[in-house]
Amino acid sequence: MDHSLSRRTVLAGAAASLIAPGRASAQERTAITMAGLPEDSATPVLYAIDTGAFKRVGLDVTIQGQRSGSAVASGVAGGAYQIGKISMYPLIEAHAKGIPFVIIAGGGLSTPTNPLAGLMARPDSPIKTPADLAGKTVGVGSLTDMFSLTMRAWMDRHGVDYTTLKMVEIPISALGEAIASGRVDAGAANEPILSGALATGKVRLVSHMEDAIAPRFLSTAWCAMRSWADANRSACERFAKVVRETSAYANTHSSATVDTIAAFTSIDPAVIRRMKRTEAATSLDAASIQPVIDLIAHFKEIPAAFPAKELIWT
């Protein structure tokens, strides 16, 4: 089967149903350089790029893969990227330190029927429960990412001392091999990295742990510095509208986005077709963010909790 031909056909057919042709020629065109982890919550933006949805509203958007949410946050803060897909943990820590990040659009949403990530271990590993993680070395994309937060929350909720956990930073794309080789005892990743690693047979799924945070919460978001967002208000509004619409489309047309996310993550499209796809947020609400803020405050990673609405750009 000619995958490139199939992809062009799908994109051409879907493009007309996404964003109505805008008057881009009458608008000032804005170039936006973005970054994000190579995982499924990037799909709506990738699909909007592929279908030309951004271009039709006057936005020239490019996106680069990064190794961790913290690296993306640093790039946005330093001006290398105008918008980045940042996990909530480093975003919340940055806000607590007075760094003015704001959320422009929602990213990956964890729900009871659609958990975002999974804890992996070797097939012969004894790790099965939160208690089994005590004293173990685990791989995370960053010491301040949602994977590290979720593992600590899982242990804490079950009365296990999470401070015994030893964390090692490893790019999530390399996490499966790090576990298989014995470099670390376990590690957590989200889709499609999770399914890609499980497909090798070198690791097994221990548990989905997200409900230790909350039944429903926002895990990643598309963020910018407040000064840039305020200075580019029209561009941000157009960006957010496109992302909401492509998120709604991607949530109900998963087969149309297989090749898009496969190209960005270098994961076999066959693996992506079989996996549980990430649910993309189609709106922004403080209730889906507050549990993460409260948990980070509980672990004393920030001085105190704060209202989630402070993070949402309006």
C-alpha atoms as a PDB file:
ATOM      1  CA  MET A   1       0.000   0.000   0.000  1.00  0.00           C
ATOM      2  CA  ASP A   2       1.277   3.486  -0.889  1.00  0.00           C
ATOM      3  CA  HIS A   3       1.094   5.208   2.535  1.00  0.00           C
ATOM      4  CA  SER A   4       2.120   8.620   1.168  1.00  0.00           C
ATOM      5  CA  LEU A   5      -0.662   8.519  -1.445  1.00  0.00           C
ATOM      6  CA  SER A   6      -3.153   7.332   1.160  1.00  0.00           C
ATOM      7  CA  ARG A   7      -2.114  10.139   3.513  1.00  0.00           C
ATOM      8  CA  ARG A   8      -2.469  12.821   0.825  1.00  0.00           C
ATOM      9  CA  THR A   9      -5.910  11.528  -0.038  1.00  0.00           C
ATOM     10  CA  VAL A  10      -7.061  11.515   3.575  1.00  0.00           C
ATOM     11  CA  LEU A  11      -5.682  14.983   4.261  1.00  0.00           C
ATOM     12  CA  ALA A  12      -7.215  16.466   1.155  1.00  0.00           C
ATOM     13  CA  GLY A  13     -10.610  15.048   2.023  1.00  0.00           C
ATOM     14  CA  ALA A  14     -10.481  16.146   5.644  1.00  0.00           C
ATOM     15  CA  ALA A  15      -9.106  19.636   5.097  1.00  0.00           C
ATOM     16  CA  ALA A  16     -12.370  20.999   3.792  1.00  0.00           C
ATOM     17  CA  SER A  17     -14.225  19.846   6.913  1.00  0.00           C
ATOM     18  CA  LEU A  18     -11.920  21.508   9.417  1.00  0.00           C
ATOM     19  CA  ILE A  19     -11.457  25.248   9.128  1.00  0.00           C
ATOM     20  CA  ALA A  20     -13.523  27.183   6.622  1.00  0.00           C
ATOM     21  CA  PRO A  21     -11.291  29.006   4.129  1.00  0.00           C
ATOM     22  CA  GLY A  22     -10.227  32.177   5.856  1.00  0.00           C
ATOM     23  CA  ARG A  23      -9.292  35.505   4.398  1.00  0.00           C
ATOM     24  CA  ALA A  24      -5.608  34.927   5.093  1.00  0.00           C
ATOM     25  CA  SER A  25      -4.557  37.312   2.352  1.00  0.00           C
ATOM     26  CA  ALA A  26      -6.356  40.101   4.200  1.00  0.00           C
ATOM     27  CA  GLN A  27      -4.682  39.221   7.502  1.00  0.00           C
ATOM     28  CA  GLU A  28      -1.185  39.883   8.654  1.00  0.00           C
ATOM     29  CA  ARG A  29       0.629  36.555   8.419  1.00  0.00           C
ATOM     30  CA  THR A  30       2.346  35.440  11.612  1.00  0.00           C
ATOM     31  CA  ALA A  31       5.193  32.925  11.791  1.00  0.00           C
ATOM     32  CA  ILE A  32       5.106  30.691  14.873  1.00  0.00           C
ATOM     33  CA  THR A  33       7.929  28.307  15.757  1.00  0.00           C
ATOM     34  CA  MET A  34       6.815  25.653  18.229  1.00  0.00           C
ATOM     35  CA  ALA A  35       8.182  22.646  20.084  1.00  0.00           C
ATOM     36  CA  GLY A  36       6.792  19.664  21.951  1.00  0.00           C
ATOM     37  CA  LEU A  37       7.478  16.120  23.033  1.00  0.00           C
ATOM     38  CA  PRO A  38       6.986  13.569  20.248  1.00  0.00           C
ATOM     39  CA  GLU A  39       3.773  12.100  21.582  1.00  0.00           C
ATOM     40  CA  ASP A  40       0.101  11.868  20.712  1.00  0.00           C
ATOM     41  CA  SER A  41      -1.131  15.051  22.380  1.00  0.00           C
ATOM     42  CA  ALA A  42       0.710  16.941  19.604  1.00  0.00           C
ATOM     43  CA  THR A  43      -1.569  15.382  16.969  1.00  0.00           C
ATOM     44  CA  PRO A  44      -4.118  18.240  16.607  1.00  0.00           C
ATOM     45  CA  VAL A  45      -1.381  20.777  15.876  1.00  0.00           C
ATOM     46  CA  LEU A  46       0.471  18.410  13.547  1.00  0.00           C
ATOM     47  CA  TYR A  47      -2.762  17.696  11.703  1.00  0.00           C
ATOM     48  CA  ALA A  48      -3.552  21.400  11.413  1.00  0.00           C
ATOM     49  CA  ILE A  49      -0.116  21.927   9.845  1.00  0.00           C
ATOM     50  CA  ASP A  50      -0.597  19.004   7.437  1.00  0.00           C
ATOM     51  CA  THR A  51      -4.059  20.072   6.296  1.00  0.00           C
ATOM     52  CA  GLY A  52      -3.154  23.754   5.916  1.00  0.00           C
ATOM     53  CA  ALA A  53      -5.664  24.782   8.598  1.00  0.00           C
ATOM     54  CA  PHE A  54      -3.196  27.233  10.155  1.00  0.00           C
ATOM     55  CA  LYS A  55      -2.218  28.736   6.825  1.00  0.00           C
ATOM     56  CA  ARG A  56      -5.851  29.437   6.003  1.00  0.00           C
ATOM     57  CA  VAL A  57      -6.068  31.715   9.035  1.00  0.00           C
ATOM     58  CA  GLY A  58      -2.770  33.482   8.351  1.00  0.00           C
ATOM     59  CA  LEU A  59      -0.420  31.434  10.543  1.00  0.00           C
ATOM     60  CA  ASP A  60       2.844  29.896   9.333  1.00  0.00           C
ATOM     61  CA  VAL A  61       3.403  27.221  11.981  1.00  0.00           C
ATOM     62  CA  THR A  62       6.381  24.872  12.320  1.00  0.00           C
ATOM     63  CA  ILE A  63       7.037  22.436  15.151  1.00  0.00           C
ATOM     64  CA  GLN A  64      10.157  20.722  16.476  1.00  0.00           C
ATOM     65  CA  GLY A  65      10.396  17.628  18.673  1.00  0.00           C
ATOM     66  CA  GLN A  66      12.030  18.002  22.089  1.00  0.00           C
ATOM     67  CA  ARG A  67      13.169  15.571  24.780  1.00  0.00           C
ATOM     68  CA  SER A  68      11.148  16.887  27.763  1.00  0.00           C
ATOM     69  CA  GLY A  69       8.535  19.404  28.790  1.00  0.00           C
ATOM     70  CA  SER A  70      11.182  21.238  30.794  1.00  0.00           C
ATOM     71  CA  ALA A  71      13.312  21.654  27.663  1.00  0.00           C
ATOM     72  CA  VAL A  72      10.310  23.035  25.804  1.00  0.00           C
ATOM     73  CA  ALA A  73       9.544  25.447  28.660  1.00  0.00           C
ATOM     74  CA  SER A  74      13.135  26.684  28.638  1.00  0.00           C
ATOM     75  CA  GLY A  75      12.946  27.242  24.892  1.00  0.00           C
ATOM     76  CA  VAL A  76       9.722  29.235  25.162  1.00  0.00           C
ATOM     77  CA  ALA A  77      11.058  31.306  28.055  1.00  0.00           C
ATOM     78  CA  GLY A  78      14.269  31.992  26.134  1.00  0.00           C
ATOM     79  CA  GLY A  79      12.499  33.005  22.939  1.00  0.00           C
ATOM     80  CA  ALA A  80      13.572  30.042  20.773  1.00  0.00           C
ATOM     81  CA  TYR A  81       9.892  29.076  20.446  1.00  0.00           C
ATOM     82  CA  GLN A  82       6.816  31.283  20.523  1.00  0.00           C
ATOM     83  CA  ILE A  83       4.510  28.464  21.644  1.00  0.00           C
ATOM     84  CA  GLY A  84       5.355  25.123  23.207  1.00  0.00           C
ATOM     85  CA  LYS A  85       3.513  22.014  24.320  1.00  0.00           C
ATOM     86  CA  ILE A  86       4.467  21.934  27.974  1.00  0.00           C
ATOM     87  CA  SER A  87       3.474  19.383  30.598  1.00  0.00           C
ATOM     88  CA  MET A  88       1.615  20.885  33.528  1.00  0.00           C
ATOM     89  CA  TYR A  89       4.318  20.164  36.112  1.00  0.00           C
ATOM     90  CA  PRO A  90       7.067  22.509  34.796  1.00  0.00           C
ATOM     91  CA  LEU A  91       4.410  25.026  33.769  1.00  0.00           C
ATOM     92  CA  ILE A  92       3.018  25.178  37.299  1.00  0.00           C
ATOM     93  CA  GLU A  93       6.483  25.370  38.863  1.00  0.00           C
ATOM     94  CA  ALA A  94       7.424  28.206  36.521  1.00  0.00           C
ATOM     95  CA  HIS A  95       4.274  30.136  37.420  1.00  0.00           C
ATOM     96  CA  ALA A  96       5.017  29.724  41.117  1.00  0.00           C
ATOM     97  CA  LYS A  97       8.450  31.271  40.473  1.00  0.00           C
ATOM     98  CA  GLY A  98       6.911  34.253  38.725  1.00  0.00           C
ATOM     99  CA  ILE A  99       7.736  33.190  35.157  1.00  0.00           C
ATOM    100  CA  PRO A 100       4.738  34.442  33.140  1.00  0.00           C
ATOM    101  CA  PHE A 101       3.728  31.427  31.062  1.00  0.00           C
ATOM    102  CA  VAL A 102       0.097  31.313  29.941  1.00  0.00           C
ATOM    103  CA  ILE A 103      -1.964  28.514  28.408  1.00  0.00           C
ATOM    104  CA  ILE A 104      -3.264  29.297  24.932  1.00  0.00           C
ATOM    105  CA  ALA A 105      -4.936  25.940  24.228  1.00  0.00           C
ATOM    106  CA  GLY A 106      -5.343  22.591  25.930  1.00  0.00           C
ATOM    107  CA  GLY A 107      -3.279  19.531  25.019  1.00  0.00           C
ATOM    108  CA  GLY A 108      -3.626  15.954  26.282  1.00  0.00           C
ATOM    109  CA  LEU A 109      -6.474  15.181  28.657  1.00  0.00           C
ATOM    110  CA  SER A 110      -6.400  12.203  31.027  1.00  0.00           C
ATOM    111  CA  THR A 111      -9.804  10.635  31.710  1.00  0.00           C
ATOM    112  CA  PRO A 112     -10.957   7.349  33.297  1.00  0.00           C
ATOM    113  CA  THR A 113     -11.507   5.797  29.863  1.00  0.00           C
ATOM    114  CA  ASN A 114      -8.429   7.334  28.285  1.00  0.00           C
ATOM    115  CA  PRO A 115      -5.391   7.338  30.597  1.00  0.00           C
ATOM    116  CA  LEU A 116      -2.422   9.111  29.052  1.00  0.00           C
ATOM    117  CA  ALA A 117       0.549   7.098  30.258  1.00  0.00           C
ATOM    118  CA  GLY A 118       1.678   3.771  31.611  1.00  0.00           C
ATOM    119  CA  LEU A 119       4.386   2.448  33.920  1.00  0.00           C
ATOM    120  CA  MET A 120       6.663  -0.115  32.266  1.00  0.00           C
ATOM    121  CA  ALA A 121       9.069  -2.732  33.629  1.00  0.00           C
ATOM    122  CA  ARG A 122      10.889  -5.751  32.223  1.00  0.00           C
ATOM    123  CA  PRO A 123       8.775  -8.889  31.696  1.00  0.00           C
ATOM    124  CA  ASP A 124      10.685 -10.685  34.494  1.00  0.00           C
ATOM    125  CA  SER A 125      10.564  -7.725  36.895  1.00  0.00           C
ATOM    126  CA  PRO A 126       8.843  -8.232  40.260  1.00  0.00           C
ATOM    127  CA  ILE A 127       7.379  -4.701  40.083  1.00  0.00           C
ATOM    128  CA  LYS A 128       3.589  -4.932  40.205  1.00  0.00           C
ATOM    129  CA  THR A 129       2.380  -2.562  42.924  1.00  0.00           C
ATOM    130  CA  PRO A 130       3.269   0.895  44.305  1.00  0.00           C
ATOM    131  CA  ALA A 131       5.121  -0.776  47.174  1.00  0.00           C
ATOM    132  CA  ASP A 132       7.393  -2.536  44.671  1.00  0.00           C
ATOM    133  CA  LEU A 133       8.689   0.837  43.447  1.00  0.00           C
ATOM    134  CA  ALA A 134      10.182   1.728  46.829  1.00  0.00           C
ATOM    135  CA  GLY A 135      13.930   2.195  46.483  1.00  0.00           C
ATOM    136  CA  LYS A 136      13.854   1.490  42.738  1.00  0.00           C
ATOM    137  CA  THR A 137      15.537   3.493  39.970  1.00  0.00           C
ATOM    138  CA  VAL A 138      13.066   4.775  37.407  1.00  0.00           C
ATOM    139  CA  GLY A 139      13.481   6.634  34.139  1.00  0.00           C
ATOM    140  CA  VAL A 140      11.678   9.906  33.472  1.00  0.00           C
ATOM    141  CA  GLY A 141      11.927  12.466  30.698  1.00  0.00           C
ATOM    142  CA  SER A 142      12.550  15.123  33.326  1.00  0.00           C
ATOM    143  CA  LEU A 143      12.676  15.229  37.110  1.00  0.00           C
ATOM    144  CA  THR A 144       9.789  17.677  36.871  1.00  0.00           C
ATOM    145  CA  ASP A 145       7.492  16.041  34.352  1.00  0.00           C
ATOM    146  CA  MET A 146       4.070  14.482  34.661  1.00  0.00           C
ATOM    147  CA  PHE A 147       5.546  10.967  34.720  1.00  0.00           C
ATOM    148  CA  SER A 148       7.604  11.673  37.827  1.00  0.00           C
ATOM    149  CA  LEU A 149       4.614  13.369  39.455  1.00  0.00           C
ATOM    150  CA  THR A 150       2.294  10.472  38.622  1.00  0.00           C
ATOM    151  CA  MET A 151       4.633   7.823  40.032  1.00  0.00           C
ATOM    152  CA  ARG A 152       5.047   9.729  43.287  1.00  0.00           C
ATOM    153  CA  ALA A 153       1.298  10.274  43.519  1.00  0.00           C
ATOM    154  CA  TRP A 154       0.638   6.562  42.907  1.00  0.00           C
ATOM    155  CA  MET A 155       2.995   5.596  45.713  1.00  0.00           C
ATOM    156  CA  ASP A 156       1.758   8.313  48.081  1.00  0.00           C
ATOM    157  CA  ARG A 157      -1.911   7.405  47.584  1.00  0.00           C
ATOM    158  CA  HIS A 158      -1.073   3.837  48.624  1.00  0.00           C
ATOM    159  CA  GLY A 159       0.919   4.841  51.704  1.00  0.00           C
ATOM    160  CA  VAL A 160       4.353   4.132  50.209  1.00  0.00           C
ATOM    161  CA  ASP A 161       7.291   6.459  50.866  1.00  0.00           C
ATOM    162  CA  TYR A 162       7.768   8.121  47.477  1.00  0.00           C
ATOM    163  CA  THR A 163      11.000   9.805  48.622  1.00  0.00           C
ATOM    164  CA  THR A 164      12.790   6.463  48.234  1.00  0.00           C
ATOM    165  CA  LEU A 165      12.244   6.604  44.469  1.00  0.00           C
ATOM    166  CA  LYS A 166      15.448   7.258  42.504  1.00  0.00           C
ATOM    167  CA  MET A 167      14.780   9.114  39.266  1.00  0.00           C
ATOM    168  CA  VAL A 168      17.060   9.274  36.228  1.00  0.00           C
ATOM    169  CA  GLU A 169      16.420  11.579  33.281  1.00  0.00           C
ATOM    170  CA  ILE A 170      16.155   9.668  29.985  1.00  0.00           C
ATOM    171  CA  PRO A 171      14.537  10.846  26.736  1.00  0.00           C
ATOM    172  CA  ILE A 172      11.166   9.089  26.631  1.00  0.00           C
ATOM    173  CA  SER A 173      11.947   7.741  23.159  1.00  0.00           C
ATOM    174  CA  ALA A 174      14.857   5.784  24.708  1.00  0.00           C
ATOM    175  CA  LEU A 175      13.041   4.694  27.851  1.00  0.00           C
ATOM    176  CA  GLY A 176      11.979   1.244  26.657  1.00  0.00           C
ATOM    177  CA  GLU A 177      15.548   0.247  25.831  1.00  0.00           C
ATOM    178  CA  ALA A 178      16.812   1.695  29.121  1.00  0.00           C
ATOM    179  CA  ILE A 179      14.387  -0.549  31.016  1.00  0.00           C
ATOM    180  CA  ALA A 180      15.123  -3.605  28.869  1.00  0.00           C
ATOM    181  CA  SER A 181      18.883  -3.209  29.343  1.00  0.00           C
ATOM    182  CA  GLY A 182      18.559  -2.906  33.122  1.00  0.00           C
ATOM    183  CA  ARG A 183      19.765   0.694  33.250  1.00  0.00           C
ATOM    184  CA  VAL A 184      16.607   1.498  35.188  1.00  0.00           C
ATOM    185  CA  ASP A 185      14.058  -0.720  36.931  1.00  0.00           C
ATOM    186  CA  ALA A 186      10.981   0.960  35.469  1.00  0.00           C
ATOM    187  CA  GLY A 187       9.723   4.083  33.782  1.00  0.00           C
ATOM    188  CA  ALA A 188       6.588   5.796  32.542  1.00  0.00           C
ATOM    189  CA  ALA A 189       5.782   7.053  29.073  1.00  0.00           C
ATOM    190  CA  ASN A 190       2.731   8.166  27.145  1.00  0.00           C
ATOM    191  CA  GLU A 191       1.457   7.294  23.682  1.00  0.00           C
ATOM    192  CA  PRO A 192       2.699   6.361  21.182  1.00  0.00           C
ATOM    193  CA  ILE A 193       6.062   5.836  22.935  1.00  0.00           C
ATOM    194  CA  LEU A 194       4.322   3.480  25.377  1.00  0.00           C
ATOM    195  CA  SER A 195       2.780   1.223  22.724  1.00  0.00           C
ATOM    196  CA  GLY A 196       5.964   1.336  20.659  1.00  0.00           C
ATOM    197  CA  ALA A 197       8.003   0.035  23.604  1.00  0.00           C
ATOM    198  CA  LEU A 198       5.416  -2.605  24.547  1.00  0.00           C
ATOM    199  CA  ALA A 199       5.328  -3.860  20.944  1.00  0.00           C
ATOM    200  CA  THR A 200       8.991  -4.902  21.205  1.00  0.00           C
ATOM    201  CA  GLY A 201       8.154  -7.442  23.903  1.00  0.00           C
ATOM    202  CA  LYS A 202      11.123  -6.218  25.931  1.00  0.00           C
ATOM    203  CA  VAL A 203       8.942  -4.456  28.501  1.00  0.00           C
ATOM    204  CA  ARG A 204       5.489  -4.991  29.940  1.00  0.00           C
ATOM    205  CA  LEU A 205       2.804  -2.655  31.258  1.00  0.00           C
ATOM    206  CA  VAL A 206       2.660  -2.471  35.040  1.00  0.00           C
ATOM    207  CA  SER A 207      -0.162   0.013  35.491  1.00  0.00           C
ATOM    208  CA  HIS A 208      -1.891   3.136  34.308  1.00  0.00           C
ATOM    209  CA  MET A 209      -1.425   5.437  37.288  1.00  0.00           C
ATOM    210  CA  GLU A 210      -3.135   8.705  36.373  1.00  0.00           C
ATOM    211  CA  ASP A 211      -6.132   8.287  38.641  1.00  0.00           C
ATOM    212  CA  ALA A 212      -3.709   8.874  41.519  1.00  0.00           C
ATOM    213  CA  ILE A 213      -3.779  12.524  40.423  1.00  0.00           C
ATOM    214  CA  ALA A 214      -7.477  12.869  39.576  1.00  0.00           C
ATOM    215  CA  PRO A 215     -10.106  11.104  37.469  1.00  0.00           C
ATOM    216  CA  ARG A 216      -9.821  13.895  34.892  1.00  0.00           C
ATOM    217  CA  PHE A 217      -7.004  16.392  34.427  1.00  0.00           C
ATOM    218  CA  LEU A 218      -5.075  18.301  31.788  1.00  0.00           C
ATOM    219  CA  SER A 219      -1.613  16.815  31.350  1.00  0.00           C
ATOM    220  CA  THR A 220      -0.146  19.039  28.631  1.00  0.00           C
ATOM    221  CA  ALA A 221      -0.994  22.435  27.192  1.00  0.00           C
ATOM    222  CA  TRP A 222       0.074  24.781  24.409  1.00  0.00           C
ATOM    223  CA  CYS A 223       1.725  27.714  26.170  1.00  0.00           C
ATOM    224  CA  ALA A 224       3.434  31.020  25.475  1.00  0.00           C
ATOM    225  CA  MET A 225       4.983  33.833  27.442  1.00  0.00           C
ATOM    226  CA  ARG A 226       2.295  36.328  28.445  1.00  0.00           C
ATOM    227  CA  SER A 227       4.141  39.236  26.814  1.00  0.00           C
ATOM    228  CA  TRP A 228       4.198  37.444  23.449  1.00  0.00           C
ATOM    229  CA  ALA A 229       0.565  36.348  23.722  1.00  0.00           C
ATOM    230  CA  ASP A 230      -0.603  39.868  24.595  1.00  0.00           C
ATOM    231  CA  ALA A 231       1.432  41.383  21.761  1.00  0.00           C
ATOM    232  CA  ASN A 232       0.069  38.813  19.288  1.00  0.00           C
ATOM    233  CA  ARG A 233      -3.503  38.562  20.473  1.00  0.00           C
ATOM    234  CA  SER A 234      -5.097  37.950  17.093  1.00  0.00           C
ATOM    235  CA  ALA A 235      -2.592  35.228  16.206  1.00  0.00           C
ATOM    236  CA  CYS A 236      -3.170  33.497  19.565  1.00  0.00           C
ATOM    237  CA  GLU A 237      -6.926  33.598  19.147  1.00  0.00           C
ATOM    238  CA  ARG A 238      -6.649  32.096  15.650  1.00  0.00           C
ATOM    239  CA  PHE A 239      -4.220  29.454  16.890  1.00  0.00           C
ATOM    240  CA  ALA A 240      -6.507  28.458  19.765  1.00  0.00           C
ATOM    241  CA  LYS A 241      -9.557  28.240  17.488  1.00  0.00           C
ATOM    242  CA  VAL A 242      -7.768  25.975  15.022  1.00  0.00           C
ATOM    243  CA  VAL A 243      -6.462  23.723  17.811  1.00  0.00           C
ATOM    244  CA  ARG A 244      -9.929  23.380  19.361  1.00  0.00           C
ATOM    245  CA  GLU A 245     -11.415  22.396  16.012  1.00  0.00           C
ATOM    246  CA  THR A 246      -8.673  19.971  15.010  1.00  0.00           C
ATOM    247  CA  SER A 247      -8.756  18.468  18.522  1.00  0.00           C
ATOM    248  CA  ALA A 248     -12.472  17.744  18.157  1.00  0.00           C
ATOM    249  CA  TYR A 249     -11.834  16.246  14.718  1.00  0.00           C
ATOM    250  CA  ALA A 250      -8.871  14.131  15.846  1.00  0.00           C
ATOM    251  CA  ASN A 251     -10.849  12.757  18.808  1.00  0.00           C
ATOM    252  CA  THR A 252     -13.446  11.268  16.467  1.00  0.00           C
ATOM    253  CA  HIS A 253     -11.325  10.508  13.379  1.00  0.00           C
ATOM    254  CA  SER A 254      -8.290   8.722  14.793  1.00  0.00           C
ATOM    255  CA  SER A 255      -7.564   6.813  11.575  1.00  0.00           C
ATOM    256  CA  ALA A 256      -7.106  10.079   9.677  1.00  0.00           C
ATOM    257  CA  THR A 257      -4.214  11.134  11.897  1.00  0.00           C
ATOM    258  CA  VAL A 258      -2.189   7.902  12.045  1.00  0.00           C
ATOM    259  CA  ASP A 259       0.420   8.894   9.466  1.00  0.00           C
ATOM    260  CA  THR A 260       0.673  12.401  10.915  1.00  0.00           C
ATOM    261  CA  ILE A 261       1.723  11.270  14.383  1.00  0.00           C
ATOM    262  CA  ALA A 262       3.758   8.345  13.029  1.00  0.00           C
ATOM    263  CA  ALA A 263       5.965  10.759  11.078  1.00  0.00           C
ATOM    264  CA  PHE A 264       6.527  13.000  14.107  1.00  0.00           C
ATOM    265  CA  THR A 265       7.315  10.166  16.524  1.00  0.00           C
ATOM    266  CA  SER A 266       9.000   7.659  14.177  1.00  0.00           C
ATOM    267  CA  ILE A 267       6.647   4.988  15.521  1.00  0.00           C
ATOM    268  CA  ASP A 268       5.359   2.302  13.128  1.00  0.00           C
ATOM    269  CA  PRO A 269       1.881   3.353  11.886  1.00  0.00           C
ATOM    270  CA  ALA A 270       0.676  -0.200  12.550  1.00  0.00           C
ATOM    271  CA  VAL A 271       1.462   0.278  16.255  1.00  0.00           C
ATOM    272  CA  ILE A 272      -0.415   3.578  16.326  1.00  0.00           C
ATOM    273  CA  ARG A 273      -3.481   2.030  14.692  1.00  0.00           C
ATOM    274  CA  ARG A 274      -3.680  -0.535  17.502  1.00  0.00           C
ATOM    275  CA  MET A 275      -3.060   1.769  20.449  1.00  0.00           C
ATOM    276  CA  LYS A 276      -5.483   3.751  22.580  1.00  0.00           C
ATOM    277  CA  ARG A 277      -5.279   7.281  21.199  1.00  0.00           C
ATOM    278  CA  THR A 278      -4.883  10.315  23.439  1.00  0.00           C
ATOM    279  CA  GLU A 279      -7.971  12.439  24.027  1.00  0.00           C
ATOM    280  CA  ALA A 280      -7.262  16.055  23.104  1.00  0.00           C
ATOM    281  CA  ALA A 281      -8.818  18.851  25.143  1.00  0.00           C
ATOM    282  CA  THR A 282     -11.418  20.799  23.176  1.00  0.00           C
ATOM    283  CA  SER A 283     -11.808  23.521  25.787  1.00  0.00           C
ATOM    284  CA  LEU A 284      -9.897  25.101  28.642  1.00  0.00           C
ATOM    285  CA  ASP A 285     -11.278  24.937  32.161  1.00  0.00           C
ATOM    286  CA  ALA A 286      -9.632  25.555  35.499  1.00  0.00           C
ATOM    287  CA  ALA A 287     -11.209  22.420  37.011  1.00  0.00           C
ATOM    288  CA  SER A 288      -9.033  20.178  34.820  1.00  0.00           C
ATOM    289  CA  ILE A 289      -5.857  21.972  35.965  1.00  0.00           C
ATOM    290  CA  GLN A 290      -6.439  22.554  39.677  1.00  0.00           C
ATOM    291  CA  PRO A 291      -5.820  18.939  40.847  1.00  0.00           C
ATOM    292  CA  VAL A 292      -2.311  19.026  39.378  1.00  0.00           C
ATOM    293  CA  ILE A 293      -1.520  22.330  41.097  1.00  0.00           C
ATOM    294  CA  ASP A 294      -2.839  21.007  44.406  1.00  0.00           C
ATOM    295  CA  LEU A 295      -0.767  17.815  44.150  1.00  0.00           C
ATOM    296  CA  ILE A 296       2.465  19.667  43.374  1.00  0.00           C
ATOM    297  CA  ALA A 297       1.789  21.880  46.391  1.00  0.00           C
ATOM    298  CA  HIS A 298       1.131  18.738  48.456  1.00  0.00           C
ATOM    299  CA  PHE A 299       4.610  17.498  47.541  1.00  0.00           C
ATOM    300  CA  LYS A 300       5.972  20.948  48.523  1.00  0.00           C
ATOM    301  CA  GLU A 301       7.443  21.541  45.066  1.00  0.00           C
ATOM    302  CA  ILE A 302       5.789  24.972  45.129  1.00  0.00           C
ATOM    303  CA  PRO A 303       5.194  27.144  48.222  1.00  0.00           C
ATOM    304  CA  ALA A 304       1.406  26.947  47.995  1.00  0.00           C
ATOM    305  CA  ALA A 305      -1.427  26.117  45.628  1.00  0.00           C
ATOM    306  CA  PHE A 306      -2.909  28.926  43.545  1.00  0.00           C
ATOM    307  CA  PRO A 307      -6.066  29.308  41.414  1.00  0.00           C
ATOM    308  CA  ALA A 308      -5.710  27.512  38.088  1.00  0.00           C
ATOM    309  CA  LYS A 309      -7.391  30.378  36.252  1.00  0.00           C
ATOM    310  CA  GLU A 310      -4.163  32.364  36.714  1.00  0.00           C
ATOM    311  CA  LEU A 311      -2.563  30.130  34.075  1.00  0.00           C
ATOM    312  CA  ILE A 312      -5.244  30.572  31.417  1.00  0.00           C
ATOM    313  CA  TRP A 313      -4.653  33.334  28.886  1.00  0.00           C
ATOM    314  CA  THR A 314      -7.691  35.454  28.046  1.00  0.00           C
END
